[in-house]
N, C-alpha and C. Protein backbone atom coordinates (compact mmCIF):
# COMPACT_ATOMS: atom_id res chain seq x y z
N ARG A 1 -72.69 25.67 -112.99
CA ARG A 1 -73.21 24.66 -113.90
C ARG A 1 -73.66 25.31 -115.19
N THR A 2 -73.62 24.53 -116.25
CA THR A 2 -74.11 25.01 -117.54
C THR A 2 -75.19 24.06 -118.06
N TRP A 3 -76.14 24.63 -118.77
CA TRP A 3 -77.24 23.87 -119.38
C TRP A 3 -77.41 24.37 -120.81
N ASN A 4 -77.05 23.56 -121.78
CA ASN A 4 -77.23 23.97 -123.16
C ASN A 4 -78.70 24.00 -123.54
N LEU A 5 -79.03 24.88 -124.46
CA LEU A 5 -80.41 25.03 -124.92
C LEU A 5 -80.89 23.88 -125.78
N ASP A 6 -80.00 23.33 -126.60
CA ASP A 6 -80.49 22.40 -127.61
C ASP A 6 -79.39 21.48 -128.12
N GLU A 7 -79.82 20.50 -128.89
CA GLU A 7 -78.90 19.56 -129.53
C GLU A 7 -79.62 18.93 -130.72
N TYR A 8 -78.89 18.71 -131.79
CA TYR A 8 -79.46 18.04 -132.96
C TYR A 8 -79.78 16.59 -132.63
N GLU A 9 -80.89 16.12 -133.16
CA GLU A 9 -81.23 14.70 -133.01
C GLU A 9 -80.40 13.90 -134.02
N GLY A 10 -79.83 12.80 -133.54
CA GLY A 10 -79.14 11.87 -134.42
C GLY A 10 -77.67 12.16 -134.68
N LEU A 11 -77.12 13.21 -134.09
CA LEU A 11 -75.69 13.46 -134.24
C LEU A 11 -74.97 12.93 -133.01
N PRO A 12 -74.00 12.04 -133.20
CA PRO A 12 -73.25 11.58 -132.03
C PRO A 12 -72.43 12.73 -131.44
N ARG A 13 -72.12 12.62 -130.19
CA ARG A 13 -71.38 13.67 -129.50
C ARG A 13 -69.99 13.89 -130.08
N THR A 14 -69.49 12.92 -130.83
CA THR A 14 -68.18 13.04 -131.47
C THR A 14 -68.26 13.77 -132.81
N ASN A 15 -69.46 14.04 -133.31
CA ASN A 15 -69.63 14.77 -134.57
C ASN A 15 -69.29 16.24 -134.34
N ASP A 16 -68.47 16.81 -135.20
CA ASP A 16 -68.02 18.18 -134.98
C ASP A 16 -69.12 19.23 -135.15
N GLN A 17 -70.32 18.82 -135.58
CA GLN A 17 -71.44 19.75 -135.67
C GLN A 17 -72.43 19.59 -134.51
N SER A 18 -72.18 18.64 -133.63
CA SER A 18 -73.06 18.52 -132.46
C SER A 18 -72.73 19.66 -131.50
N TYR A 19 -73.73 20.11 -130.78
CA TYR A 19 -73.49 21.18 -129.81
C TYR A 19 -72.63 20.68 -128.65
N TYR A 20 -72.72 19.41 -128.31
CA TYR A 20 -71.86 18.83 -127.29
C TYR A 20 -70.39 19.02 -127.69
N TYR A 21 -70.07 18.61 -128.91
CA TYR A 21 -68.70 18.73 -129.42
C TYR A 21 -68.27 20.19 -129.44
N PHE A 22 -69.11 21.05 -130.00
CA PHE A 22 -68.80 22.48 -130.11
C PHE A 22 -68.49 23.09 -128.75
N MET A 23 -69.34 22.81 -127.77
CA MET A 23 -69.15 23.40 -126.45
C MET A 23 -67.86 22.91 -125.79
N HIS A 24 -67.54 21.63 -125.98
CA HIS A 24 -66.30 21.12 -125.41
C HIS A 24 -65.08 21.72 -126.10
N GLU A 25 -65.12 21.79 -127.41
CA GLU A 25 -63.99 22.34 -128.18
C GLU A 25 -63.77 23.83 -127.90
N ASN A 26 -64.84 24.57 -127.70
CA ASN A 26 -64.74 26.03 -127.63
C ASN A 26 -64.87 26.63 -126.24
N LEU A 27 -65.33 25.85 -125.27
CA LEU A 27 -65.48 26.40 -123.92
C LEU A 27 -65.12 25.40 -122.83
N PHE A 28 -65.87 24.33 -122.71
CA PHE A 28 -65.75 23.46 -121.55
C PHE A 28 -64.34 22.92 -121.33
N ASP A 29 -63.62 22.58 -122.41
CA ASP A 29 -62.28 22.02 -122.25
C ASP A 29 -61.23 23.09 -121.94
N HIS A 30 -61.64 24.35 -121.86
CA HIS A 30 -60.70 25.45 -121.65
C HIS A 30 -60.94 26.21 -120.35
N VAL A 31 -61.93 25.79 -119.59
CA VAL A 31 -62.22 26.45 -118.32
C VAL A 31 -62.25 25.41 -117.21
N ASN A 32 -62.14 25.87 -116.01
CA ASN A 32 -62.07 24.99 -114.85
C ASN A 32 -63.47 24.73 -114.30
N LEU A 33 -64.17 23.80 -114.92
CA LEU A 33 -65.49 23.40 -114.43
C LEU A 33 -65.38 22.02 -113.80
N PRO A 34 -66.02 21.82 -112.66
CA PRO A 34 -65.95 20.49 -112.04
C PRO A 34 -66.66 19.44 -112.90
N GLU A 35 -66.23 18.22 -112.74
CA GLU A 35 -66.85 17.09 -113.43
C GLU A 35 -68.36 17.10 -113.16
N GLY A 36 -69.13 16.91 -114.19
CA GLY A 36 -70.58 16.86 -114.04
C GLY A 36 -71.27 18.21 -114.04
N ALA A 37 -70.52 19.29 -114.23
CA ALA A 37 -71.12 20.63 -114.19
C ALA A 37 -71.69 21.07 -115.53
N THR A 38 -71.34 20.37 -116.60
CA THR A 38 -71.84 20.75 -117.93
C THR A 38 -72.93 19.78 -118.35
N HIS A 39 -73.98 20.33 -118.95
CA HIS A 39 -75.12 19.51 -119.35
C HIS A 39 -75.54 19.87 -120.77
N VAL A 40 -75.53 18.86 -121.63
CA VAL A 40 -75.98 19.02 -123.01
C VAL A 40 -76.91 17.85 -123.31
N LEU A 41 -78.03 18.14 -123.92
CA LEU A 41 -78.97 17.08 -124.28
C LEU A 41 -78.28 16.02 -125.14
N ASN A 42 -78.70 14.77 -125.00
CA ASN A 42 -78.15 13.67 -125.77
C ASN A 42 -79.03 13.42 -126.99
N GLY A 43 -78.62 13.94 -128.13
CA GLY A 43 -79.39 13.80 -129.36
C GLY A 43 -79.43 12.39 -129.91
N MET A 44 -78.67 11.49 -129.32
CA MET A 44 -78.67 10.09 -129.75
C MET A 44 -79.59 9.22 -128.91
N ASN A 45 -80.20 9.77 -127.89
CA ASN A 45 -81.12 8.99 -127.05
C ASN A 45 -82.33 8.61 -127.90
N PRO A 46 -82.60 7.32 -128.06
CA PRO A 46 -83.74 6.91 -128.89
C PRO A 46 -85.09 7.26 -128.26
N ASP A 47 -85.09 7.57 -126.98
CA ASP A 47 -86.33 7.95 -126.29
C ASP A 47 -86.30 9.46 -126.04
N ALA A 48 -86.71 10.22 -127.05
CA ALA A 48 -86.65 11.68 -126.98
C ALA A 48 -87.44 12.22 -125.80
N GLU A 49 -88.62 11.67 -125.59
CA GLU A 49 -89.47 12.16 -124.51
C GLU A 49 -88.80 11.99 -123.15
N ALA A 50 -88.19 10.82 -122.93
CA ALA A 50 -87.50 10.57 -121.66
C ALA A 50 -86.29 11.48 -121.50
N GLU A 51 -85.54 11.69 -122.58
CA GLU A 51 -84.37 12.58 -122.54
C GLU A 51 -84.78 13.99 -122.14
N CYS A 52 -85.82 14.48 -122.77
CA CYS A 52 -86.27 15.85 -122.52
C CYS A 52 -86.83 16.01 -121.11
N LYS A 53 -87.59 15.04 -120.66
CA LYS A 53 -88.16 15.09 -119.31
C LYS A 53 -87.05 15.05 -118.26
N ALA A 54 -86.08 14.17 -118.46
CA ALA A 54 -84.97 14.05 -117.51
C ALA A 54 -84.15 15.35 -117.46
N TYR A 55 -84.00 16.02 -118.59
CA TYR A 55 -83.25 17.27 -118.65
C TYR A 55 -83.94 18.35 -117.82
N ASP A 56 -85.25 18.50 -118.02
CA ASP A 56 -86.00 19.49 -117.24
C ASP A 56 -85.96 19.16 -115.75
N GLU A 57 -86.08 17.89 -115.41
CA GLU A 57 -86.04 17.49 -114.00
C GLU A 57 -84.67 17.79 -113.38
N ALA A 58 -83.60 17.55 -114.14
CA ALA A 58 -82.26 17.82 -113.63
C ALA A 58 -82.05 19.32 -113.40
N ILE A 59 -82.59 20.14 -114.29
CA ILE A 59 -82.49 21.60 -114.10
C ILE A 59 -83.22 22.01 -112.83
N GLU A 60 -84.42 21.49 -112.64
CA GLU A 60 -85.20 21.81 -111.43
C GLU A 60 -84.46 21.36 -110.17
N GLU A 61 -83.93 20.13 -110.19
CA GLU A 61 -83.21 19.59 -109.03
C GLU A 61 -81.98 20.42 -108.70
N ALA A 62 -81.37 21.03 -109.72
CA ALA A 62 -80.18 21.86 -109.51
C ALA A 62 -80.53 23.28 -109.04
N GLY A 63 -81.82 23.57 -108.94
CA GLY A 63 -82.23 24.90 -108.47
C GLY A 63 -82.53 25.89 -109.58
N GLY A 64 -82.61 25.41 -110.81
CA GLY A 64 -82.96 26.28 -111.93
C GLY A 64 -81.75 26.92 -112.57
N ILE A 65 -82.01 27.80 -113.50
CA ILE A 65 -80.96 28.48 -114.26
C ILE A 65 -80.89 29.93 -113.81
N ASP A 66 -79.68 30.38 -113.47
CA ASP A 66 -79.49 31.77 -113.06
C ASP A 66 -79.51 32.71 -114.26
N ILE A 67 -78.65 32.45 -115.23
CA ILE A 67 -78.56 33.31 -116.42
C ILE A 67 -78.70 32.44 -117.67
N GLN A 68 -79.65 32.79 -118.51
CA GLN A 68 -79.87 32.08 -119.77
C GLN A 68 -79.34 32.96 -120.90
N LEU A 69 -78.38 32.47 -121.65
CA LEU A 69 -77.83 33.18 -122.79
C LEU A 69 -78.53 32.71 -124.05
N LEU A 70 -79.12 33.65 -124.79
CA LEU A 70 -79.86 33.32 -126.01
C LEU A 70 -79.32 34.09 -127.20
N GLY A 71 -79.47 33.48 -128.36
CA GLY A 71 -79.33 34.18 -129.63
C GLY A 71 -80.73 34.32 -130.19
N LEU A 72 -80.85 34.94 -131.33
CA LEU A 72 -82.15 35.16 -131.96
C LEU A 72 -82.09 34.73 -133.41
N GLY A 73 -83.04 33.88 -133.82
CA GLY A 73 -83.10 33.45 -135.21
C GLY A 73 -83.71 34.52 -136.11
N HIS A 74 -83.55 34.34 -137.41
CA HIS A 74 -84.07 35.29 -138.40
C HIS A 74 -85.58 35.47 -138.31
N ASP A 75 -86.26 34.45 -137.81
CA ASP A 75 -87.72 34.49 -137.70
C ASP A 75 -88.18 34.74 -136.27
N GLY A 76 -87.25 35.12 -135.41
CA GLY A 76 -87.58 35.39 -134.02
C GLY A 76 -87.55 34.17 -133.13
N HIS A 77 -87.01 33.04 -133.63
CA HIS A 77 -86.97 31.86 -132.76
C HIS A 77 -85.84 31.97 -131.75
N ILE A 78 -86.05 31.33 -130.60
CA ILE A 78 -85.03 31.21 -129.57
C ILE A 78 -84.86 29.73 -129.28
N ALA A 79 -83.61 29.32 -129.05
CA ALA A 79 -83.26 27.91 -129.04
C ALA A 79 -83.77 27.35 -130.37
N PHE A 80 -84.34 26.15 -130.37
CA PHE A 80 -84.97 25.63 -131.58
C PHE A 80 -86.49 25.70 -131.45
N ASN A 81 -86.98 26.70 -130.76
CA ASN A 81 -88.43 26.93 -130.67
C ASN A 81 -88.83 27.73 -131.89
N GLU A 82 -89.28 27.01 -132.91
CA GLU A 82 -89.64 27.60 -134.20
C GLU A 82 -91.02 28.26 -134.11
N PRO A 83 -91.33 29.17 -135.05
CA PRO A 83 -92.69 29.73 -135.10
C PRO A 83 -93.72 28.60 -135.21
N GLN A 84 -94.75 28.68 -134.38
CA GLN A 84 -95.78 27.64 -134.36
C GLN A 84 -97.05 28.19 -133.72
N ASP A 85 -97.98 27.30 -133.42
CA ASP A 85 -99.29 27.73 -132.92
C ASP A 85 -99.35 27.92 -131.41
N ASP A 86 -98.35 27.42 -130.68
CA ASP A 86 -98.35 27.60 -129.23
C ASP A 86 -96.90 27.67 -128.73
N PHE A 87 -96.74 28.04 -127.49
CA PHE A 87 -95.43 28.10 -126.86
C PHE A 87 -95.17 26.77 -126.16
N PRO A 88 -94.18 25.98 -126.60
CA PRO A 88 -93.89 24.73 -125.90
C PRO A 88 -93.35 25.00 -124.50
N ALA A 89 -93.89 24.29 -123.53
CA ALA A 89 -93.52 24.55 -122.14
C ALA A 89 -92.14 24.00 -121.81
N GLY A 90 -91.98 22.70 -121.91
CA GLY A 90 -90.75 22.07 -121.48
C GLY A 90 -89.85 21.69 -122.64
N THR A 91 -88.73 21.10 -122.29
CA THR A 91 -87.79 20.61 -123.29
C THR A 91 -88.50 19.56 -124.13
N HIS A 92 -88.26 19.60 -125.44
CA HIS A 92 -89.03 18.78 -126.37
C HIS A 92 -88.23 18.52 -127.64
N CYS A 93 -88.74 17.62 -128.46
CA CYS A 93 -88.14 17.34 -129.76
C CYS A 93 -88.94 18.12 -130.80
N VAL A 94 -88.25 18.77 -131.73
CA VAL A 94 -88.89 19.66 -132.69
C VAL A 94 -88.43 19.36 -134.11
N GLU A 95 -89.34 19.51 -135.05
CA GLU A 95 -89.01 19.46 -136.48
C GLU A 95 -88.47 20.84 -136.85
N LEU A 96 -87.29 20.89 -137.42
CA LEU A 96 -86.71 22.17 -137.81
C LEU A 96 -87.36 22.66 -139.11
N ASN A 97 -87.64 23.95 -139.17
CA ASN A 97 -88.26 24.46 -140.39
C ASN A 97 -87.19 24.71 -141.45
N PRO A 98 -87.60 24.77 -142.72
CA PRO A 98 -86.63 24.92 -143.81
C PRO A 98 -85.73 26.15 -143.68
N MET A 99 -86.25 27.23 -143.13
CA MET A 99 -85.45 28.45 -142.96
C MET A 99 -84.29 28.21 -141.97
N THR A 100 -84.57 27.49 -140.89
CA THR A 100 -83.54 27.18 -139.91
C THR A 100 -82.52 26.22 -140.50
N ILE A 101 -83.00 25.22 -141.22
CA ILE A 101 -82.09 24.26 -141.87
C ILE A 101 -81.17 25.00 -142.84
N GLU A 102 -81.73 25.89 -143.63
CA GLU A 102 -80.92 26.66 -144.59
C GLU A 102 -79.91 27.54 -143.85
N ALA A 103 -80.34 28.22 -142.80
CA ALA A 103 -79.43 29.08 -142.03
C ALA A 103 -78.29 28.28 -141.41
N ASN A 104 -78.57 27.07 -140.95
CA ASN A 104 -77.56 26.25 -140.30
C ASN A 104 -76.72 25.44 -141.28
N SER A 105 -77.10 25.44 -142.55
CA SER A 105 -76.36 24.67 -143.55
C SER A 105 -74.94 25.20 -143.73
N ARG A 106 -74.68 26.44 -143.32
CA ARG A 106 -73.33 27.00 -143.44
C ARG A 106 -72.32 26.24 -142.58
N PHE A 107 -72.81 25.50 -141.60
CA PHE A 107 -71.93 24.73 -140.72
C PHE A 107 -71.70 23.31 -141.23
N PHE A 108 -72.46 22.90 -142.24
CA PHE A 108 -72.39 21.55 -142.80
C PHE A 108 -71.93 21.65 -144.25
N LYS A 109 -71.63 20.51 -144.86
CA LYS A 109 -71.23 20.51 -146.27
C LYS A 109 -72.38 20.91 -147.18
N SER A 110 -73.61 20.59 -146.76
CA SER A 110 -74.79 20.97 -147.55
C SER A 110 -76.01 20.98 -146.63
N ALA A 111 -77.10 21.57 -147.11
CA ALA A 111 -78.34 21.60 -146.33
C ALA A 111 -78.87 20.20 -146.09
N ASP A 112 -78.56 19.27 -147.00
CA ASP A 112 -79.02 17.89 -146.85
C ASP A 112 -78.42 17.21 -145.62
N GLU A 113 -77.28 17.69 -145.16
CA GLU A 113 -76.63 17.09 -143.99
C GLU A 113 -77.14 17.64 -142.67
N VAL A 114 -77.86 18.74 -142.70
CA VAL A 114 -78.38 19.33 -141.46
C VAL A 114 -79.48 18.43 -140.92
N PRO A 115 -79.38 18.01 -139.66
CA PRO A 115 -80.47 17.20 -139.09
C PRO A 115 -81.80 17.93 -139.21
N LYS A 116 -82.85 17.17 -139.40
CA LYS A 116 -84.18 17.75 -139.58
C LYS A 116 -84.93 17.91 -138.26
N ARG A 117 -84.38 17.33 -137.21
CA ARG A 117 -85.01 17.40 -135.89
C ARG A 117 -83.95 17.75 -134.85
N ALA A 118 -84.42 18.31 -133.74
CA ALA A 118 -83.51 18.65 -132.64
C ALA A 118 -84.28 18.59 -131.32
N TYR A 119 -83.53 18.45 -130.24
CA TYR A 119 -84.09 18.58 -128.90
C TYR A 119 -83.86 20.03 -128.49
N SER A 120 -84.85 20.64 -127.88
CA SER A 120 -84.74 22.04 -127.52
C SER A 120 -85.38 22.31 -126.17
N MET A 121 -84.71 23.15 -125.38
CA MET A 121 -85.34 23.64 -124.17
C MET A 121 -86.57 24.42 -124.60
N GLY A 122 -87.69 24.23 -123.93
CA GLY A 122 -88.93 24.90 -124.30
C GLY A 122 -89.00 26.32 -123.78
N ILE A 123 -89.97 27.05 -124.29
CA ILE A 123 -90.18 28.44 -123.88
C ILE A 123 -90.42 28.52 -122.37
N GLY A 124 -91.23 27.61 -121.85
CA GLY A 124 -91.50 27.61 -120.41
C GLY A 124 -90.23 27.41 -119.60
N SER A 125 -89.38 26.51 -120.06
CA SER A 125 -88.10 26.27 -119.37
C SER A 125 -87.21 27.50 -119.43
N ILE A 126 -87.13 28.13 -120.59
CA ILE A 126 -86.31 29.33 -120.76
C ILE A 126 -86.82 30.45 -119.86
N MET A 127 -88.13 30.62 -119.81
CA MET A 127 -88.72 31.72 -119.04
C MET A 127 -88.54 31.56 -117.53
N LYS A 128 -88.19 30.36 -117.07
CA LYS A 128 -87.94 30.14 -115.65
C LYS A 128 -86.57 30.67 -115.21
N ALA A 129 -85.69 30.96 -116.16
CA ALA A 129 -84.37 31.50 -115.80
C ALA A 129 -84.54 32.81 -115.06
N ARG A 130 -83.68 33.04 -114.08
CA ARG A 130 -83.80 34.26 -113.29
C ARG A 130 -83.41 35.51 -114.08
N LYS A 131 -82.47 35.37 -115.00
CA LYS A 131 -82.05 36.47 -115.87
C LYS A 131 -81.84 35.90 -117.27
N ILE A 132 -82.18 36.69 -118.28
CA ILE A 132 -81.97 36.28 -119.67
C ILE A 132 -81.14 37.35 -120.37
N LEU A 133 -80.11 36.90 -121.07
CA LEU A 133 -79.27 37.77 -121.88
C LEU A 133 -79.42 37.33 -123.33
N VAL A 134 -79.86 38.25 -124.19
CA VAL A 134 -80.05 37.96 -125.61
C VAL A 134 -79.00 38.74 -126.40
N VAL A 135 -78.24 38.03 -127.23
CA VAL A 135 -77.21 38.65 -128.05
C VAL A 135 -77.65 38.56 -129.51
N VAL A 136 -77.70 39.73 -130.18
CA VAL A 136 -78.20 39.79 -131.56
C VAL A 136 -77.24 40.64 -132.39
N SER A 137 -76.87 40.13 -133.56
CA SER A 137 -76.01 40.92 -134.44
C SER A 137 -76.44 40.76 -135.89
N GLY A 138 -76.22 41.81 -136.65
CA GLY A 138 -76.44 41.77 -138.08
C GLY A 138 -77.75 42.38 -138.53
N LYS A 139 -77.70 43.01 -139.69
CA LYS A 139 -78.87 43.63 -140.29
C LYS A 139 -79.96 42.60 -140.59
N ASP A 140 -79.54 41.36 -140.89
CA ASP A 140 -80.50 40.30 -141.20
C ASP A 140 -81.35 39.88 -140.00
N LYS A 141 -80.99 40.35 -138.80
CA LYS A 141 -81.78 40.06 -137.60
C LYS A 141 -82.61 41.26 -137.15
N ALA A 142 -82.49 42.39 -137.83
CA ALA A 142 -83.14 43.64 -137.39
C ALA A 142 -84.66 43.51 -137.34
N GLU A 143 -85.26 42.93 -138.35
CA GLU A 143 -86.72 42.80 -138.36
C GLU A 143 -87.19 41.87 -137.24
N ALA A 144 -86.47 40.77 -137.06
CA ALA A 144 -86.84 39.83 -135.99
C ALA A 144 -86.72 40.50 -134.62
N LEU A 145 -85.66 41.26 -134.40
CA LEU A 145 -85.48 41.93 -133.11
C LEU A 145 -86.60 42.94 -132.87
N LYS A 146 -86.99 43.66 -133.90
CA LYS A 146 -88.09 44.62 -133.76
C LYS A 146 -89.38 43.90 -133.37
N LYS A 147 -89.66 42.76 -134.01
CA LYS A 147 -90.87 42.00 -133.68
C LYS A 147 -90.82 41.46 -132.26
N VAL A 148 -89.64 40.99 -131.85
CA VAL A 148 -89.48 40.43 -130.51
C VAL A 148 -89.71 41.50 -129.44
N LEU A 149 -89.16 42.68 -129.66
CA LEU A 149 -89.23 43.73 -128.64
C LEU A 149 -90.49 44.58 -128.71
N CYS A 150 -91.03 44.80 -129.91
CA CYS A 150 -92.11 45.78 -130.08
C CYS A 150 -93.41 45.20 -130.61
N GLY A 151 -93.37 43.99 -131.11
CA GLY A 151 -94.57 43.41 -131.70
C GLY A 151 -95.44 42.74 -130.66
N PRO A 152 -96.56 42.19 -131.11
CA PRO A 152 -97.41 41.45 -130.18
C PRO A 152 -96.71 40.15 -129.75
N VAL A 153 -97.04 39.68 -128.56
CA VAL A 153 -96.52 38.41 -128.08
C VAL A 153 -97.30 37.31 -128.77
N THR A 154 -96.59 36.50 -129.55
CA THR A 154 -97.22 35.45 -130.34
C THR A 154 -96.25 34.29 -130.54
N PRO A 155 -96.75 33.05 -130.54
CA PRO A 155 -95.86 31.92 -130.81
C PRO A 155 -95.33 31.91 -132.24
N GLN A 156 -95.89 32.77 -133.10
CA GLN A 156 -95.35 32.90 -134.45
C GLN A 156 -94.01 33.65 -134.44
N VAL A 157 -93.74 34.36 -133.36
CA VAL A 157 -92.44 35.01 -133.11
C VAL A 157 -92.05 34.58 -131.69
N PRO A 158 -91.49 33.38 -131.55
CA PRO A 158 -91.28 32.81 -130.21
C PRO A 158 -90.54 33.72 -129.23
N GLY A 159 -89.56 34.47 -129.70
CA GLY A 159 -88.81 35.35 -128.81
C GLY A 159 -89.64 36.47 -128.22
N SER A 160 -90.81 36.74 -128.80
CA SER A 160 -91.67 37.82 -128.29
C SER A 160 -92.13 37.55 -126.86
N ILE A 161 -92.13 36.30 -126.44
CA ILE A 161 -92.54 35.94 -125.08
C ILE A 161 -91.61 36.60 -124.05
N LEU A 162 -90.40 36.95 -124.47
CA LEU A 162 -89.45 37.57 -123.55
C LEU A 162 -89.95 38.91 -123.03
N GLN A 163 -90.93 39.51 -123.69
CA GLN A 163 -91.53 40.75 -123.18
C GLN A 163 -92.14 40.55 -121.80
N PHE A 164 -92.48 39.31 -121.46
CA PHE A 164 -93.10 39.01 -120.17
C PHE A 164 -92.10 38.62 -119.08
N HIS A 165 -90.82 38.48 -119.43
CA HIS A 165 -89.83 38.10 -118.43
C HIS A 165 -89.43 39.32 -117.61
N GLN A 166 -89.18 39.12 -116.31
CA GLN A 166 -88.89 40.24 -115.42
C GLN A 166 -87.48 40.78 -115.54
N ASP A 167 -86.54 40.06 -116.18
CA ASP A 167 -85.15 40.52 -116.21
C ASP A 167 -84.46 40.06 -117.49
N VAL A 168 -84.63 40.83 -118.55
CA VAL A 168 -84.02 40.53 -119.85
C VAL A 168 -83.10 41.68 -120.24
N THR A 169 -81.91 41.34 -120.69
CA THR A 169 -80.99 42.32 -121.25
C THR A 169 -80.71 41.91 -122.69
N VAL A 170 -80.83 42.86 -123.61
CA VAL A 170 -80.52 42.62 -125.02
C VAL A 170 -79.22 43.35 -125.34
N VAL A 171 -78.27 42.63 -125.89
CA VAL A 171 -77.02 43.20 -126.37
C VAL A 171 -77.05 43.04 -127.89
N ALA A 172 -77.09 44.17 -128.61
CA ALA A 172 -77.21 44.13 -130.06
C ALA A 172 -76.29 45.14 -130.71
N ASP A 173 -75.83 44.80 -131.90
CA ASP A 173 -75.01 45.76 -132.64
C ASP A 173 -75.91 46.75 -133.37
N GLU A 174 -75.29 47.77 -133.94
CA GLU A 174 -76.03 48.84 -134.61
C GLU A 174 -76.89 48.30 -135.75
N ASP A 175 -76.37 47.32 -136.50
CA ASP A 175 -77.15 46.75 -137.60
C ASP A 175 -78.41 46.06 -137.11
N ALA A 176 -78.30 45.29 -136.04
CA ALA A 176 -79.48 44.60 -135.50
C ALA A 176 -80.50 45.59 -134.95
N LEU A 177 -80.04 46.74 -134.52
CA LEU A 177 -80.92 47.77 -133.96
C LEU A 177 -81.47 48.73 -135.03
N SER A 178 -81.13 48.52 -136.27
CA SER A 178 -81.43 49.49 -137.32
C SER A 178 -82.91 49.71 -137.59
N MET A 179 -83.79 48.81 -137.18
CA MET A 179 -85.22 49.00 -137.40
C MET A 179 -85.95 49.51 -136.16
N LEU A 180 -85.21 49.77 -135.11
CA LEU A 180 -85.82 50.27 -133.86
C LEU A 180 -85.69 51.78 -133.75
């Protein structure tokens, strides 16, 4: 089974920038997964709270996540868990910060088209995975990776919480490792 980390709020699944669409175009439609084995949050659900709660419950009912694949944002965010005052426990709806909107604008015609909100698996949900694999590339991620691995654990650098997980593997290129 697969469980996506996040989805933009307000993008229909047929929109080529939705994570649902992306995953089907680039993975799900090309591998032999049984019907019902792929799970992506529904960013069109008008009841965000119910969508997020049902997602977490479905993960629990399925026995949890074996391997969680993560990327790392320029500010140390994982999924759409942006720097903030606390670590969100469960899947939730989040306001995207301007830095994330700007970074993701490369996938849209302009930054104005990037949704301002998204549904995201929370830090608590991510930390329940039995194994976490973090993939980081580029010199522009070097400072964030250093903070995640060597800095204090703080919700201002959400990925720093991974220091407390029992089984994390980081795969990074030389540029991303340049500050370590």
